[in-house]
Amino acid sequence: MTTLGARLTQEHQGLDALYEEIANRVHCGDTVALDASWSSLEAGLLAHLDFEEEVTRATVITHSGAIVSEPVQKLLAPAGGTA
């Protein structure tokens, strides 16, 4: 999996876990822990959306399929390599 794909997958899994945590806090009625979990989810989601926006904005692909955006080339490259 590419560096970008791995990061997105990891972040999605983390956000899913926080969502599950919130559902459990609601079920248990633990409002103090719920507030903390909500704050973590909100911060994580905002950071993730900022990252996705940055990647989307930076993605420029030619008609031949070559990636011409250096930031995206770095994200898609395997560790220590080039895309």
Protein backbone atom coordinates (compact mmCIF):
# COMPACT_ATOMS: atom_id res chain seq x y z
CA MET A 1 0.00 0.00 0.00
CA THR A 2 1.24 3.48 -0.73
CA THR A 3 2.25 5.89 2.00
CA LEU A 4 -0.83 7.98 1.21
CA GLY A 5 -3.12 4.97 1.22
CA ALA A 6 -1.67 3.71 4.49
CA ARG A 7 -2.09 7.08 6.14
CA LEU A 8 -5.70 7.46 4.99
CA THR A 9 -6.53 3.92 6.10
CA GLN A 10 -4.92 4.45 9.49
CA GLU A 11 -6.73 7.74 10.02
CA HIS A 12 -10.09 6.28 8.97
CA GLN A 13 -9.62 3.37 11.37
CA GLY A 14 -8.72 5.76 14.18
CA LEU A 15 -11.79 7.90 13.52
CA ASP A 16 -13.98 4.78 13.41
CA ALA A 17 -12.59 3.73 16.79
CA LEU A 18 -13.34 7.16 18.27
CA TYR A 19 -16.89 6.99 16.89
CA GLU A 20 -17.35 3.58 18.52
CA GLU A 21 -15.98 4.99 21.77
CA ILE A 22 -18.57 7.79 21.63
CA ALA A 23 -21.37 5.28 21.05
CA ASN A 24 -20.19 3.29 24.08
CA ARG A 25 -20.01 6.43 26.25
CA VAL A 26 -23.56 7.36 25.25
CA HIS A 27 -24.77 3.85 26.06
CA CYS A 28 -23.07 3.96 29.48
CA GLY A 29 -24.28 7.49 30.24
CA ASP A 30 -20.76 8.68 31.07
CA THR A 31 -21.09 12.32 30.03
CA VAL A 32 -17.66 13.41 31.25
CA ALA A 33 -15.89 10.71 29.24
CA LEU A 34 -18.29 11.36 26.34
CA ASP A 35 -17.23 15.00 26.22
CA ALA A 36 -13.54 14.02 26.11
CA SER A 37 -14.18 11.43 23.40
CA TRP A 38 -16.19 13.93 21.37
CA SER A 39 -13.37 16.47 21.59
CA SER A 40 -10.89 13.82 20.39
CA LEU A 41 -13.12 12.87 17.48
CA GLU A 42 -13.68 16.49 16.51
CA ALA A 43 -9.96 17.29 16.56
CA GLY A 44 -9.08 14.12 14.67
CA LEU A 45 -11.77 14.63 12.06
CA LEU A 46 -10.82 18.26 11.44
CA ALA A 47 -7.14 17.33 11.07
CA HIS A 48 -8.04 14.49 8.72
CA LEU A 49 -10.26 16.69 6.56
CA ASP A 50 -7.50 19.31 6.39
CA PHE A 51 -5.08 16.61 5.20
CA GLU A 52 -7.53 15.30 2.59
CA GLU A 53 -8.11 18.83 1.35
CA GLU A 54 -4.36 19.43 1.09
CA VAL A 55 -3.86 16.22 -0.88
CA THR A 56 -6.84 16.90 -3.14
CA ARG A 57 -5.70 20.45 -3.84
CA ALA A 58 -2.14 19.32 -4.52
CA THR A 59 -3.12 16.47 -6.84
CA VAL A 60 -2.46 17.37 -10.45
CA ILE A 61 -2.32 14.51 -12.93
CA THR A 62 -1.55 14.90 -16.63
CA HIS A 63 -3.61 13.23 -19.36
CA SER A 64 -0.96 10.53 -19.64
CA GLY A 65 -1.46 9.71 -15.95
CA ALA A 66 1.87 11.09 -14.74
CA ILE A 67 1.71 12.82 -11.39
CA VAL A 68 3.13 16.31 -11.75
CA SER A 69 2.65 17.55 -8.20
CA GLU A 70 5.78 17.09 -6.08
CA PRO A 71 3.91 16.87 -2.73
CA VAL A 72 1.69 14.09 -4.08
CA GLN A 73 4.69 12.27 -5.58
CA LYS A 74 6.29 12.27 -2.12
CA LEU A 75 3.13 10.98 -0.46
CA LEU A 76 2.64 8.21 -3.01
CA ALA A 77 6.26 7.09 -3.02
CA PRO A 78 7.19 3.99 -1.04
CA ALA A 79 9.48 4.74 1.88
CA GLY A 80 12.82 5.90 0.52
CA GLY A 81 11.69 5.78 -3.13
CA THR A 82 9.96 7.83 -5.75
CA ALA A 83 6.48 7.46 -7.22
